[in-house]
Amino acid sequence: MITAVHTLVYADDADRARNFFRDVLNWPSVDAGGGWLIFKTGPSEMGVHPTDHALGQHHQISLMCDDIEATVADLRDRGVEITQDVRDDGFGLTAIFVVPGGGDMMIYQPRHPSAYDLA
């Protein structure tokens, strides 16, 4: 029986990225040994999209929130670099922020039905 989804973030500077998730986003974690942190990320859901060959993209990690304006303001207050301000992308309101040592990540307030809280 499948019990969870394990998401990976690849980072050029894994320590900086781990510190960001631990110290800035305040996500609880366990140490799997040698400082290799595994974070509790909360509820999750997964969508399957056609490949965008122009981007060469096969996977994407996005964070979800209930109030994008408040969340982006909070991230800015914590010193997080926002590389794309809030915009309407149809499926939701999105913004892009930098994971130090790990690149850009999307955060969005969905307009679509969510599956992460299904029983």
PDB file of N, CA and C in Angstrom:
ATOM      1  N   MET A   1       0.834  -1.178   0.000  1.00  0.00           N
ATOM      2  CA  MET A   1       0.000   0.000   0.000  1.00  0.00           C
ATOM      3  C   MET A   1       0.883   1.247   0.000  1.00  0.00           C
ATOM      4  N   ILE A   2       0.634   2.168  -0.898  1.00  0.00           N
ATOM      5  CA  ILE A   2       1.374   3.432  -0.931  1.00  0.00           C
ATOM      6  C   ILE A   2       0.866   4.312   0.196  1.00  0.00           C
ATOM      7  N   THR A   3       1.778   4.883   0.958  1.00  0.00           N
ATOM      8  CA  THR A   3       1.399   5.649   2.142  1.00  0.00           C
ATOM      9  C   THR A   3       1.666   7.145   2.046  1.00  0.00           C
ATOM     10  N   ALA A   4       2.510   7.580   1.094  1.00  0.00           N
ATOM     11  CA  ALA A   4       2.864   9.004   1.025  1.00  0.00           C
ATOM     12  C   ALA A   4       3.550   9.301  -0.299  1.00  0.00           C
ATOM     13  N   VAL A   5       3.787  10.575  -0.526  1.00  0.00           N
ATOM     14  CA  VAL A   5       4.583  11.038  -1.667  1.00  0.00           C
ATOM     15  C   VAL A   5       5.850  11.662  -1.097  1.00  0.00           C
ATOM     16  N   HIS A   6       6.997  11.257  -1.608  1.00  0.00           N
ATOM     17  CA  HIS A   6       8.281  11.833  -1.207  1.00  0.00           C
ATOM     18  C   HIS A   6       8.747  12.729  -2.354  1.00  0.00           C
ATOM     19  N   THR A   7       8.871  14.014  -2.087  1.00  0.00           N
ATOM     20  CA  THR A   7       9.262  14.993  -3.091  1.00  0.00           C
ATOM     21  C   THR A   7      10.739  15.319  -2.929  1.00  0.00           C
ATOM     22  N   LEU A   8      11.437  15.484  -4.031  1.00  0.00           N
ATOM     23  CA  LEU A   8      12.852  15.851  -3.996  1.00  0.00           C
ATOM     24  C   LEU A   8      13.054  17.239  -4.582  1.00  0.00           C
ATOM     25  N   VAL A   9      13.871  18.030  -3.921  1.00  0.00           N
ATOM     26  CA  VAL A   9      14.340  19.300  -4.456  1.00  0.00           C
ATOM     27  C   VAL A   9      15.832  19.133  -4.684  1.00  0.00           C
ATOM     28  N   TYR A  10      16.267  19.288  -5.924  1.00  0.00           N
ATOM     29  CA  TYR A  10      17.695  19.233  -6.222  1.00  0.00           C
ATOM     30  C   TYR A  10      18.259  20.639  -6.125  1.00  0.00           C
ATOM     31  N   ALA A  11      19.334  20.787  -5.373  1.00  0.00           N
ATOM     32  CA  ALA A  11      19.909  22.104  -5.121  1.00  0.00           C
ATOM     33  C   ALA A  11      21.417  22.063  -5.338  1.00  0.00           C
ATOM     34  N   ASP A  12      21.932  23.111  -5.972  1.00  0.00           N
ATOM     35  CA  ASP A  12      23.380  23.237  -6.134  1.00  0.00           C
ATOM     36  C   ASP A  12      24.060  23.404  -4.784  1.00  0.00           C
ATOM     37  N   ASP A  13      23.359  24.004  -3.835  1.00  0.00           N
ATOM     38  CA  ASP A  13      23.858  24.160  -2.469  1.00  0.00           C
ATOM     39  C   ASP A  13      22.793  23.587  -1.532  1.00  0.00           C
ATOM     40  N   ALA A  14      22.852  22.283  -1.311  1.00  0.00           N
ATOM     41  CA  ALA A  14      21.821  21.594  -0.538  1.00  0.00           C
ATOM     42  C   ALA A  14      21.727  22.120   0.892  1.00  0.00           C
ATOM     43  N   ASP A  15      22.853  22.470   1.497  1.00  0.00           N
ATOM     44  CA  ASP A  15      22.807  22.979   2.871  1.00  0.00           C
ATOM     45  C   ASP A  15      22.018  24.285   2.948  1.00  0.00           C
ATOM     46  N   ARG A  16      22.252  25.205   2.010  1.00  0.00           N
ATOM     47  CA  ARG A  16      21.501  26.471   1.998  1.00  0.00           C
ATOM     48  C   ARG A  16      20.019  26.218   1.782  1.00  0.00           C
ATOM     49  N   ALA A  17      19.684  25.320   0.874  1.00  0.00           N
ATOM     50  CA  ALA A  17      18.276  25.004   0.617  1.00  0.00           C
ATOM     51  C   ALA A  17      17.634  24.381   1.847  1.00  0.00           C
ATOM     52  N   ARG A  18      18.324  23.448   2.491  1.00  0.00           N
ATOM     53  CA  ARG A  18      17.782  22.819   3.708  1.00  0.00           C
ATOM     54  C   ARG A  18      17.575  23.861   4.801  1.00  0.00           C
ATOM     55  N   ASN A  19      18.552  24.749   4.976  1.00  0.00           N
ATOM     56  CA  ASN A  19      18.435  25.805   5.979  1.00  0.00           C
ATOM     57  C   ASN A  19      17.234  26.702   5.699  1.00  0.00           C
ATOM     58  N   PHE A  20      16.973  26.990   4.427  1.00  0.00           N
ATOM     59  CA  PHE A  20      15.826  27.809   4.037  1.00  0.00           C
ATOM     60  C   PHE A  20      14.512  27.144   4.462  1.00  0.00           C
ATOM     61  N   PHE A  21      14.344  25.877   4.115  1.00  0.00           N
ATOM     62  CA  PHE A  21      13.105  25.193   4.475  1.00  0.00           C
ATOM     63  C   PHE A  21      12.956  25.074   5.991  1.00  0.00           C
ATOM     64  N   ARG A  22      14.068  24.850   6.694  1.00  0.00           N
ATOM     65  CA  ARG A  22      14.029  24.709   8.152  1.00  0.00           C
ATOM     66  C   ARG A  22      13.862  26.055   8.847  1.00  0.00           C
ATOM     67  N   ASP A  23      14.687  27.047   8.491  1.00  0.00           N
ATOM     68  CA  ASP A  23      14.771  28.290   9.254  1.00  0.00           C
ATOM     69  C   ASP A  23      13.844  29.394   8.768  1.00  0.00           C
ATOM     70  N   VAL A  24      13.564  29.438   7.466  1.00  0.00           N
ATOM     71  CA  VAL A  24      12.712  30.502   6.928  1.00  0.00           C
ATOM     72  C   VAL A  24      11.259  30.042   6.833  1.00  0.00           C
ATOM     73  N   LEU A  25      11.032  28.868   6.252  1.00  0.00           N
ATOM     74  CA  LEU A  25       9.664  28.359   6.157  1.00  0.00           C
ATOM     75  C   LEU A  25       9.214  27.646   7.429  1.00  0.00           C
ATOM     76  N   ASN A  26      10.183  27.361   8.324  1.00  0.00           N
ATOM     77  CA  ASN A  26       9.900  26.730   9.624  1.00  0.00           C
ATOM     78  C   ASN A  26       9.244  25.357   9.491  1.00  0.00           C
ATOM     79  N   TRP A  27       9.648  24.592   8.486  1.00  0.00           N
ATOM     80  CA  TRP A  27       9.101  23.246   8.312  1.00  0.00           C
ATOM     81  C   TRP A  27       9.801  22.285   9.262  1.00  0.00           C
ATOM     82  N   PRO A  28       9.037  21.468   9.993  1.00  0.00           N
ATOM     83  CA  PRO A  28       9.659  20.470  10.863  1.00  0.00           C
ATOM     84  C   PRO A  28      10.365  19.406  10.023  1.00  0.00           C
ATOM     85  N   SER A  29      11.408  18.825  10.612  1.00  0.00           N
ATOM     86  CA  SER A  29      12.185  17.837   9.858  1.00  0.00           C
ATOM     87  C   SER A  29      12.745  16.780  10.785  1.00  0.00           C
ATOM     88  N   VAL A  30      13.195  15.707  10.169  1.00  0.00           N
ATOM     89  CA  VAL A  30      13.971  14.685  10.865  1.00  0.00           C
ATOM     90  C   VAL A  30      15.331  14.639  10.183  1.00  0.00           C
ATOM     91  N   ASP A  31      16.347  14.299  10.961  1.00  0.00           N
ATOM     92  CA  ASP A  31      17.691  14.157  10.408  1.00  0.00           C
ATOM     93  C   ASP A  31      17.892  12.688  10.074  1.00  0.00           C
ATOM     94  N   ALA A  32      18.037  12.418   8.788  1.00  0.00           N
ATOM     95  CA  ALA A  32      18.218  11.045   8.327  1.00  0.00           C
ATOM     96  C   ALA A  32      19.670  10.603   8.465  1.00  0.00           C
ATOM     97  N   GLY A  33      20.510  11.474   9.024  1.00  0.00           N
ATOM     98  CA  GLY A  33      21.926  11.167   9.230  1.00  0.00           C
ATOM     99  C   GLY A  33      22.814  12.172   8.531  1.00  0.00           C
ATOM    100  N   GLY A  34      23.787  12.659   9.249  1.00  0.00           N
ATOM    101  CA  GLY A  34      24.762  13.578   8.660  1.00  0.00           C
ATOM    102  C   GLY A  34      24.179  14.900   8.212  1.00  0.00           C
ATOM    103  N   GLY A  35      23.106  15.360   8.842  1.00  0.00           N
ATOM    104  CA  GLY A  35      22.495  16.628   8.468  1.00  0.00           C
ATOM    105  C   GLY A  35      21.566  16.541   7.271  1.00  0.00           C
ATOM    106  N   TRP A  36      21.290  15.334   6.801  1.00  0.00           N
ATOM    107  CA  TRP A  36      20.396  15.119   5.657  1.00  0.00           C
ATOM    108  C   TRP A  36      18.973  15.230   6.176  1.00  0.00           C
ATOM    109  N   LEU A  37      18.371  16.410   6.041  1.00  0.00           N
ATOM    110  CA  LEU A  37      17.057  16.669   6.595  1.00  0.00           C
ATOM    111  C   LEU A  37      15.953  16.218   5.649  1.00  0.00           C
ATOM    112  N   ILE A  38      14.928  15.613   6.215  1.00  0.00           N
ATOM    113  CA  ILE A  38      13.722  15.257   5.474  1.00  0.00           C
ATOM    114  C   ILE A  38      12.585  16.025   6.145  1.00  0.00           C
ATOM    115  N   PHE A  39      11.878  16.829   5.344  1.00  0.00           N
ATOM    116  CA  PHE A  39      10.896  17.769   5.867  1.00  0.00           C
ATOM    117  C   PHE A  39       9.472  17.249   5.786  1.00  0.00           C
ATOM    118  N   LYS A  40       8.717  17.589   6.816  1.00  0.00           N
ATOM    119  CA  LYS A  40       7.273  17.390   6.762  1.00  0.00           C
ATOM    120  C   LYS A  40       6.725  18.544   5.932  1.00  0.00           C
ATOM    121  N   THR A  41       6.041  18.219   4.850  1.00  0.00           N
ATOM    122  CA  THR A  41       5.569  19.263   3.944  1.00  0.00           C
ATOM    123  C   THR A  41       4.075  19.497   4.025  1.00  0.00           C
ATOM    124  N   GLY A  42       3.379  18.706   4.786  1.00  0.00           N
ATOM    125  CA  GLY A  42       1.951  18.885   4.878  1.00  0.00           C
ATOM    126  C   GLY A  42       1.210  18.110   3.798  1.00  0.00           C
ATOM    127  N   PRO A  43      -0.077  18.369   3.660  1.00  0.00           N
ATOM    128  CA  PRO A  43      -0.875  17.658   2.666  1.00  0.00           C
ATOM    129  C   PRO A  43      -0.314  17.876   1.259  1.00  0.00           C
ATOM    130  N   SER A  44      -0.569  16.913   0.393  1.00  0.00           N
ATOM    131  CA  SER A  44      -0.085  17.048  -0.980  1.00  0.00           C
ATOM    132  C   SER A  44      -1.130  16.544  -1.956  1.00  0.00           C
ATOM    133  N   GLU A  45      -0.919  16.900  -3.197  1.00  0.00           N
ATOM    134  CA  GLU A  45      -1.727  16.393  -4.299  1.00  0.00           C
ATOM    135  C   GLU A  45      -0.839  16.365  -5.527  1.00  0.00           C
ATOM    136  N   MET A  46      -1.270  15.676  -6.554  1.00  0.00           N
ATOM    137  CA  MET A  46      -0.449  15.553  -7.750  1.00  0.00           C
ATOM    138  C   MET A  46      -1.340  15.677  -8.975  1.00  0.00           C
ATOM    139  N   GLY A  47      -0.920  16.506  -9.915  1.00  0.00           N
ATOM    140  CA  GLY A  47      -1.582  16.622 -11.206  1.00  0.00           C
ATOM    141  C   GLY A  47      -0.655  16.065 -12.275  1.00  0.00           C
ATOM    142  N   VAL A  48      -1.216  15.587 -13.351  1.00  0.00           N
ATOM    143  CA  VAL A  48      -0.418  15.069 -14.470  1.00  0.00           C
ATOM    144  C   VAL A  48      -0.738  15.927 -15.685  1.00  0.00           C
ATOM    145  N   HIS A  49       0.286  16.558 -16.242  1.00  0.00           N
ATOM    146  CA  HIS A  49       0.143  17.466 -17.375  1.00  0.00           C
ATOM    147  C   HIS A  49       0.896  16.914 -18.570  1.00  0.00           C
ATOM    148  N   PRO A  50       0.521  17.315 -19.771  1.00  0.00           N
ATOM    149  CA  PRO A  50       1.325  16.952 -20.938  1.00  0.00           C
ATOM    150  C   PRO A  50       2.707  17.606 -20.824  1.00  0.00           C
ATOM    151  N   THR A  51       3.711  16.970 -21.372  1.00  0.00           N
ATOM    152  CA  THR A  51       5.068  17.522 -21.356  1.00  0.00           C
ATOM    153  C   THR A  51       5.118  18.808 -22.167  1.00  0.00           C
ATOM    154  N   ASP A  52       5.787  19.812 -21.624  1.00  0.00           N
ATOM    155  CA  ASP A  52       6.043  21.051 -22.354  1.00  0.00           C
ATOM    156  C   ASP A  52       7.444  20.932 -22.931  1.00  0.00           C
ATOM    157  N   HIS A  53       7.534  20.477 -24.181  1.00  0.00           N
ATOM    158  CA  HIS A  53       8.831  20.218 -24.795  1.00  0.00           C
ATOM    159  C   HIS A  53       9.677  21.477 -24.936  1.00  0.00           C
ATOM    160  N   ALA A  54       9.043  22.634 -25.035  1.00  0.00           N
ATOM    161  CA  ALA A  54       9.803  23.888 -25.128  1.00  0.00           C
ATOM    162  C   ALA A  54      10.597  24.134 -23.852  1.00  0.00           C
ATOM    163  N   LEU A  55      10.034  23.703 -22.714  1.00  0.00           N
ATOM    164  CA  LEU A  55      10.724  23.874 -21.433  1.00  0.00           C
ATOM    165  C   LEU A  55      11.606  22.689 -21.089  1.00  0.00           C
ATOM    166  N   GLY A  56      11.370  21.557 -21.759  1.00  0.00           N
ATOM    167  CA  GLY A  56      12.109  20.354 -21.413  1.00  0.00           C
ATOM    168  C   GLY A  56      11.783  19.894 -20.000  1.00  0.00           C
ATOM    169  N   GLN A  57      10.592  20.221 -19.547  1.00  0.00           N
ATOM    170  CA  GLN A  57      10.218  19.994 -18.161  1.00  0.00           C
ATOM    171  C   GLN A  57       9.375  18.731 -18.030  1.00  0.00           C
ATOM    172  N   HIS A  58       9.725  17.915 -17.046  1.00  0.00           N
ATOM    173  CA  HIS A  58       8.949  16.713 -16.790  1.00  0.00           C
ATOM    174  C   HIS A  58       8.344  16.697 -15.397  1.00  0.00           C
ATOM    175  N   HIS A  59       8.876  17.510 -14.473  1.00  0.00           N
ATOM    176  CA  HIS A  59       8.369  17.546 -13.105  1.00  0.00           C
ATOM    177  C   HIS A  59       8.466  18.971 -12.586  1.00  0.00           C
ATOM    178  N   GLN A  60       7.565  19.326 -11.696  1.00  0.00           N
ATOM    179  CA  GLN A  60       7.591  20.641 -11.067  1.00  0.00           C
ATOM    180  C   GLN A  60       7.045  20.513  -9.659  1.00  0.00           C
ATOM    181  N   ILE A  61       7.642  21.229  -8.738  1.00  0.00           N
ATOM    182  CA  ILE A  61       7.139  21.290  -7.376  1.00  0.00           C
ATOM    183  C   ILE A  61       6.588  22.692  -7.171  1.00  0.00           C
ATOM    184  N   SER A  62       5.366  22.774  -6.704  1.00  0.00           N
ATOM    185  CA  SER A  62       4.745  24.061  -6.374  1.00  0.00           C
ATOM    186  C   SER A  62       4.189  23.968  -4.964  1.00  0.00           C
ATOM    187  N   LEU A  63       4.267  25.064  -4.231  1.00  0.00           N
ATOM    188  CA  LEU A  63       3.648  25.143  -2.922  1.00  0.00           C
ATOM    189  C   LEU A  63       2.296  25.814  -3.073  1.00  0.00           C
ATOM    190  N   MET A  64       1.354  25.457  -2.209  1.00  0.00           N
ATOM    191  CA  MET A  64       0.006  26.016  -2.278  1.00  0.00           C
ATOM    192  C   MET A  64      -0.275  26.837  -1.022  1.00  0.00           C
ATOM    193  N   CYS A  65      -1.147  27.829  -1.169  1.00  0.00           N
ATOM    194  CA  CYS A  65      -1.530  28.656  -0.027  1.00  0.00           C
ATOM    195  C   CYS A  65      -2.977  29.104  -0.196  1.00  0.00           C
ATOM    196  N   ASP A  66      -3.551  29.642   0.868  1.00  0.00           N
ATOM    197  CA  ASP A  66      -4.933  30.122   0.842  1.00  0.00           C
ATOM    198  C   ASP A  66      -5.034  31.602   0.489  1.00  0.00           C
ATOM    199  N   ASP A  67      -3.975  32.372   0.752  1.00  0.00           N
ATOM    200  CA  ASP A  67      -3.992  33.821   0.520  1.00  0.00           C
ATOM    201  C   ASP A  67      -2.627  34.222  -0.040  1.00  0.00           C
ATOM    202  N   ILE A  68      -2.525  34.288  -1.353  1.00  0.00           N
ATOM    203  CA  ILE A  68      -1.234  34.528  -2.005  1.00  0.00           C
ATOM    204  C   ILE A  68      -0.630  35.883  -1.624  1.00  0.00           C
ATOM    205  N   GLU A  69      -1.445  36.920  -1.550  1.00  0.00           N
ATOM    206  CA  GLU A  69      -0.920  38.252  -1.219  1.00  0.00           C
ATOM    207  C   GLU A  69      -0.294  38.250   0.177  1.00  0.00           C
ATOM    208  N   ALA A  70      -0.988  37.687   1.153  1.00  0.00           N
ATOM    209  CA  ALA A  70      -0.465  37.635   2.524  1.00  0.00           C
ATOM    210  C   ALA A  70       0.761  36.738   2.606  1.00  0.00           C
ATOM    211  N   THR A  71       0.742  35.629   1.887  1.00  0.00           N
ATOM    212  CA  THR A  71       1.870  34.697   1.923  1.00  0.00           C
ATOM    213  C   THR A  71       3.117  35.320   1.302  1.00  0.00           C
ATOM    214  N   VAL A  72       2.963  35.977   0.167  1.00  0.00           N
ATOM    215  CA  VAL A  72       4.114  36.632  -0.479  1.00  0.00           C
ATOM    216  C   VAL A  72       4.643  37.749   0.414  1.00  0.00           C
ATOM    217  N   ALA A  73       3.757  38.507   1.044  1.00  0.00           N
ATOM    218  CA  ALA A  73       4.203  39.563   1.961  1.00  0.00           C
ATOM    219  C   ALA A  73       4.986  38.964   3.127  1.00  0.00           C
ATOM    220  N   ASP A  74       4.505  37.852   3.668  1.00  0.00           N
ATOM    221  CA  ASP A  74       5.201  37.180   4.766  1.00  0.00           C
ATOM    222  C   ASP A  74       6.570  36.669   4.312  1.00  0.00           C
ATOM    223  N   LEU A  75       6.626  36.076   3.133  1.00  0.00           N
ATOM    224  CA  LEU A  75       7.910  35.596   2.616  1.00  0.00           C
ATOM    225  C   LEU A  75       8.889  36.762   2.453  1.00  0.00           C
ATOM    226  N   ARG A  76       8.416  37.876   1.900  1.00  0.00           N
ATOM    227  CA  ARG A  76       9.284  39.058   1.752  1.00  0.00           C
ATOM    228  C   ARG A  76       9.799  39.525   3.116  1.00  0.00           C
ATOM    229  N   ASP A  77       8.889  39.555   4.114  1.00  0.00           N
ATOM    230  CA  ASP A  77       9.296  39.970   5.467  1.00  0.00           C
ATOM    231  C   ASP A  77      10.374  39.063   6.037  1.00  0.00           C
ATOM    232  N   ARG A  78      10.405  37.808   5.607  1.00  0.00           N
ATOM    233  CA  ARG A  78      11.407  36.848   6.069  1.00  0.00           C
ATOM    234  C   ARG A  78      12.679  36.908   5.232  1.00  0.00           C
ATOM    235  N   GLY A  79      12.727  37.842   4.263  1.00  0.00           N
ATOM    236  CA  GLY A  79      13.917  38.019   3.445  1.00  0.00           C
ATOM    237  C   GLY A  79      13.958  37.150   2.203  1.00  0.00           C
ATOM    238  N   VAL A  80      12.835  36.516   1.846  1.00  0.00           N
ATOM    239  CA  VAL A  80      12.800  35.653   0.675  1.00  0.00           C
ATOM    240  C   VAL A  80      12.739  36.511  -0.588  1.00  0.00           C
ATOM    241  N   GLU A  81      13.548  36.151  -1.576  1.00  0.00           N
ATOM    242  CA  GLU A  81      13.553  36.864  -2.854  1.00  0.00           C
ATOM    243  C   GLU A  81      12.393  36.374  -3.716  1.00  0.00           C
ATOM    244  N   ILE A  82      11.528  37.306  -4.105  1.00  0.00           N
ATOM    245  CA  ILE A  82      10.401  37.018  -4.986  1.00  0.00           C
ATOM    246  C   ILE A  82      10.824  37.428  -6.393  1.00  0.00           C
ATOM    247  N   THR A  83      10.851  36.472  -7.328  1.00  0.00           N
ATOM    248  CA  THR A  83      11.301  36.774  -8.688  1.00  0.00           C
ATOM    249  C   THR A  83      10.153  37.017  -9.655  1.00  0.00           C
ATOM    250  N   GLN A  84       8.946  36.646  -9.257  1.00  0.00           N
ATOM    251  CA  GLN A  84       7.747  36.972 -10.039  1.00  0.00           C
ATOM    252  C   GLN A  84       6.658  37.345  -9.056  1.00  0.00           C
ATOM    253  N   ASP A  85       6.197  38.588  -9.138  1.00  0.00           N
ATOM    254  CA  ASP A  85       5.109  39.023  -8.273  1.00  0.00           C
ATOM    255  C   ASP A  85       3.831  38.282  -8.629  1.00  0.00           C
ATOM    256  N   VAL A  86       2.847  38.421  -7.787  1.00  0.00           N
ATOM    257  CA  VAL A  86       1.577  37.720  -7.966  1.00  0.00           C
ATOM    258  C   VAL A  86       0.965  38.065  -9.314  1.00  0.00           C
ATOM    259  N   ARG A  87       0.549  37.006 -10.014  1.00  0.00           N
ATOM    260  CA  ARG A  87      -0.154  37.198 -11.287  1.00  0.00           C
ATOM    261  C   ARG A  87      -1.230  36.124 -11.422  1.00  0.00           C
ATOM    262  N   ASP A  88      -2.170  36.395 -12.291  1.00  0.00           N
ATOM    263  CA  ASP A  88      -3.271  35.476 -12.547  1.00  0.00           C
ATOM    264  C   ASP A  88      -2.888  34.567 -13.702  1.00  0.00           C
ATOM    265  N   ASP A  89      -2.724  33.284 -13.422  1.00  0.00           N
ATOM    266  CA  ASP A  89      -2.385  32.317 -14.466  1.00  0.00           C
ATOM    267  C   ASP A  89      -3.573  31.432 -14.826  1.00  0.00           C
ATOM    268  N   GLY A  90      -4.776  31.869 -14.492  1.00  0.00           N
ATOM    269  CA  GLY A  90      -5.969  31.115 -14.839  1.00  0.00           C
ATOM    270  C   GLY A  90      -6.306  30.040 -13.827  1.00  0.00           C
ATOM    271  N   PHE A  91      -5.412  29.073 -13.665  1.00  0.00           N
ATOM    272  CA  PHE A  91      -5.645  27.986 -12.702  1.00  0.00           C
ATOM    273  C   PHE A  91      -5.516  28.473 -11.273  1.00  0.00           C
ATOM    274  N   GLY A  92      -4.904  29.669 -11.106  1.00  0.00           N
ATOM    275  CA  GLY A  92      -4.709  30.237  -9.784  1.00  0.00           C
ATOM    276  C   GLY A  92      -3.855  31.476  -9.844  1.00  0.00           C
ATOM    277  N   LEU A  93      -3.687  32.103  -8.705  1.00  0.00           N
ATOM    278  CA  LEU A  93      -2.803  33.250  -8.573  1.00  0.00           C
ATOM    279  C   LEU A  93      -1.434  32.719  -8.183  1.00  0.00           C
ATOM    280  N   THR A  94      -0.407  33.101  -8.930  1.00  0.00           N
ATOM    281  CA  THR A  94       0.917  32.518  -8.730  1.00  0.00           C
ATOM    282  C   THR A  94       1.968  33.577  -8.430  1.00  0.00           C
ATOM    283  N   ALA A  95       3.030  33.138  -7.812  1.00  0.00           N
ATOM    284  CA  ALA A  95       4.237  33.937  -7.609  1.00  0.00           C
ATOM    285  C   ALA A  95       5.400  32.953  -7.636  1.00  0.00           C
ATOM    286  N   ILE A  96       6.579  33.476  -7.877  1.00  0.00           N
ATOM    287  CA  ILE A  96       7.788  32.656  -7.896  1.00  0.00           C
ATOM    288  C   ILE A  96       8.758  33.224  -6.871  1.00  0.00           C
ATOM    289  N   PHE A  97       9.369  32.337  -6.083  1.00  0.00           N
ATOM    290  CA  PHE A  97      10.370  32.755  -5.105  1.00  0.00           C
ATOM    291  C   PHE A  97      11.620  31.901  -5.269  1.00  0.00           C
ATOM    292  N   VAL A  98      12.710  32.363  -4.665  1.00  0.00           N
ATOM    293  CA  VAL A  98      13.990  31.679  -4.761  1.00  0.00           C
ATOM    294  C   VAL A  98      14.220  30.830  -3.520  1.00  0.00           C
ATOM    295  N   VAL A  99      14.529  29.563  -3.746  1.00  0.00           N
ATOM    296  CA  VAL A  99      15.044  28.699  -2.691  1.00  0.00           C
ATOM    297  C   VAL A  99      16.557  28.862  -2.743  1.00  0.00           C
ATOM    298  N   PRO A 100      17.179  29.470  -1.732  1.00  0.00           N
ATOM    299  CA  PRO A 100      18.620  29.690  -1.789  1.00  0.00           C
ATOM    300  C   PRO A 100      19.377  28.393  -2.067  1.00  0.00           C
ATOM    301  N   GLY A 101      20.217  28.432  -3.076  1.00  0.00           N
ATOM    302  CA  GLY A 101      20.984  27.258  -3.468  1.00  0.00           C
ATOM    303  C   GLY A 101      20.189  26.258  -4.277  1.00  0.00           C
ATOM    304  N   GLY A 102      18.881  26.526  -4.491  1.00  0.00           N
ATOM    305  CA  GLY A 102      18.033  25.549  -5.160  1.00  0.00           C
ATOM    306  C   GLY A 102      17.220  26.072  -6.325  1.00  0.00           C
ATOM    307  N   GLY A 103      17.255  27.360  -6.597  1.00  0.00           N
ATOM    308  CA  GLY A 103      16.538  27.899  -7.744  1.00  0.00           C
ATOM    309  C   GLY A 103      15.124  28.350  -7.419  1.00  0.00           C
ATOM    310  N   ASP A 104      14.364  28.586  -8.479  1.00  0.00           N
ATOM    311  CA  ASP A 104      13.011  29.123  -8.347  1.00  0.00           C
ATOM    312  C   ASP A 104      11.984  28.050  -8.002  1.00  0.00           C
ATOM    313  N   MET A 105      10.940  28.465  -7.277  1.00  0.00           N
ATOM    314  CA  MET A 105       9.816  27.589  -6.950  1.00  0.00           C
ATOM    315  C   MET A 105       8.540  28.424  -6.994  1.00  0.00           C
ATOM    316  N   MET A 106       7.479  27.817  -7.506  1.00  0.00           N
ATOM    317  CA  MET A 106       6.194  28.504  -7.570  1.00  0.00           C
ATOM    318  C   MET A 106       5.412  28.298  -6.281  1.00  0.00           C
ATOM    319  N   ILE A 107       4.696  29.340  -5.905  1.00  0.00           N
ATOM    320  CA  ILE A 107       3.677  29.232  -4.871  1.00  0.00           C
ATOM    321  C   ILE A 107       2.395  29.749  -5.490  1.00  0.00           C
ATOM    322  N   TYR A 108       1.275  29.089  -5.180  1.00  0.00           N
ATOM    323  CA  TYR A 108       0.033  29.572  -5.776  1.00  0.00           C
ATOM    324  C   TYR A 108      -1.181  29.347  -4.903  1.00  0.00           C
ATOM    325  N   GLN A 109      -2.157  30.209  -5.147  1.00  0.00           N
ATOM    326  CA  GLN A 109      -3.479  30.107  -4.538  1.00  0.00           C
ATOM    327  C   GLN A 109      -4.375  29.523  -5.616  1.00  0.00           C
ATOM    328  N   PRO A 110      -4.755  28.253  -5.478  1.00  0.00           N
ATOM    329  CA  PRO A 110      -5.490  27.595  -6.558  1.00  0.00           C
ATOM    330  C   PRO A 110      -6.899  28.129  -6.745  1.00  0.00           C
ATOM    331  N   ARG A 111      -7.336  28.066  -7.992  1.00  0.00           N
ATOM    332  CA  ARG A 111      -8.733  28.332  -8.325  1.00  0.00           C
ATOM    333  C   ARG A 111      -9.428  27.032  -8.721  1.00  0.00           C
ATOM    334  N   HIS A 112      -8.655  25.984  -8.866  1.00  0.00           N
ATOM    335  CA  HIS A 112      -9.204  24.678  -9.219  1.00  0.00           C
ATOM    336  C   HIS A 112      -9.585  23.925  -7.948  1.00  0.00           C
ATOM    337  N   PRO A 113     -10.454  22.922  -8.061  1.00  0.00           N
ATOM    338  CA  PRO A 113     -10.730  22.092  -6.892  1.00  0.00           C
ATOM    339  C   PRO A 113      -9.438  21.443  -6.397  1.00  0.00           C
ATOM    340  N   SER A 114      -9.260  21.380  -5.106  1.00  0.00           N
ATOM    341  CA  SER A 114      -8.060  20.779  -4.523  1.00  0.00           C
ATOM    342  C   SER A 114      -8.353  19.355  -4.071  1.00  0.00           C
ATOM    343  N   ALA A 115      -7.342  18.505  -4.159  1.00  0.00           N
ATOM    344  CA  ALA A 115      -7.492  17.107  -3.761  1.00  0.00           C
ATOM    345  C   ALA A 115      -6.744  16.779  -2.472  1.00  0.00           C
ATOM    346  N   TYR A 116      -5.923  17.690  -1.964  1.00  0.00           N
ATOM    347  CA  TYR A 116      -5.050  17.346  -0.834  1.00  0.00           C
ATOM    348  C   TYR A 116      -5.794  17.047   0.457  1.00  0.00           C
ATOM    349  N   ASP A 117      -7.054  17.450   0.547  1.00  0.00           N
ATOM    350  CA  ASP A 117      -7.778  17.189   1.792  1.00  0.00           C
ATOM    351  C   ASP A 117      -8.882  16.149   1.624  1.00  0.00           C
ATOM    352  N   LEU A 118      -8.825  15.379   0.544  1.00  0.00           N
ATOM    353  CA  LEU A 118      -9.794  14.303   0.361  1.00  0.00           C
ATOM    354  C   LEU A 118      -9.558  13.194   1.388  1.00  0.00           C
ATOM    355  N   ALA A 119     -10.616  12.571   1.807  1.00  0.00           N
ATOM    356  CA  ALA A 119     -10.484  11.483   2.786  1.00  0.00           C
ATOM    357  C   ALA A 119      -9.946  10.234   2.128  1.00  0.00           C
TER     358      ALA A 119
END
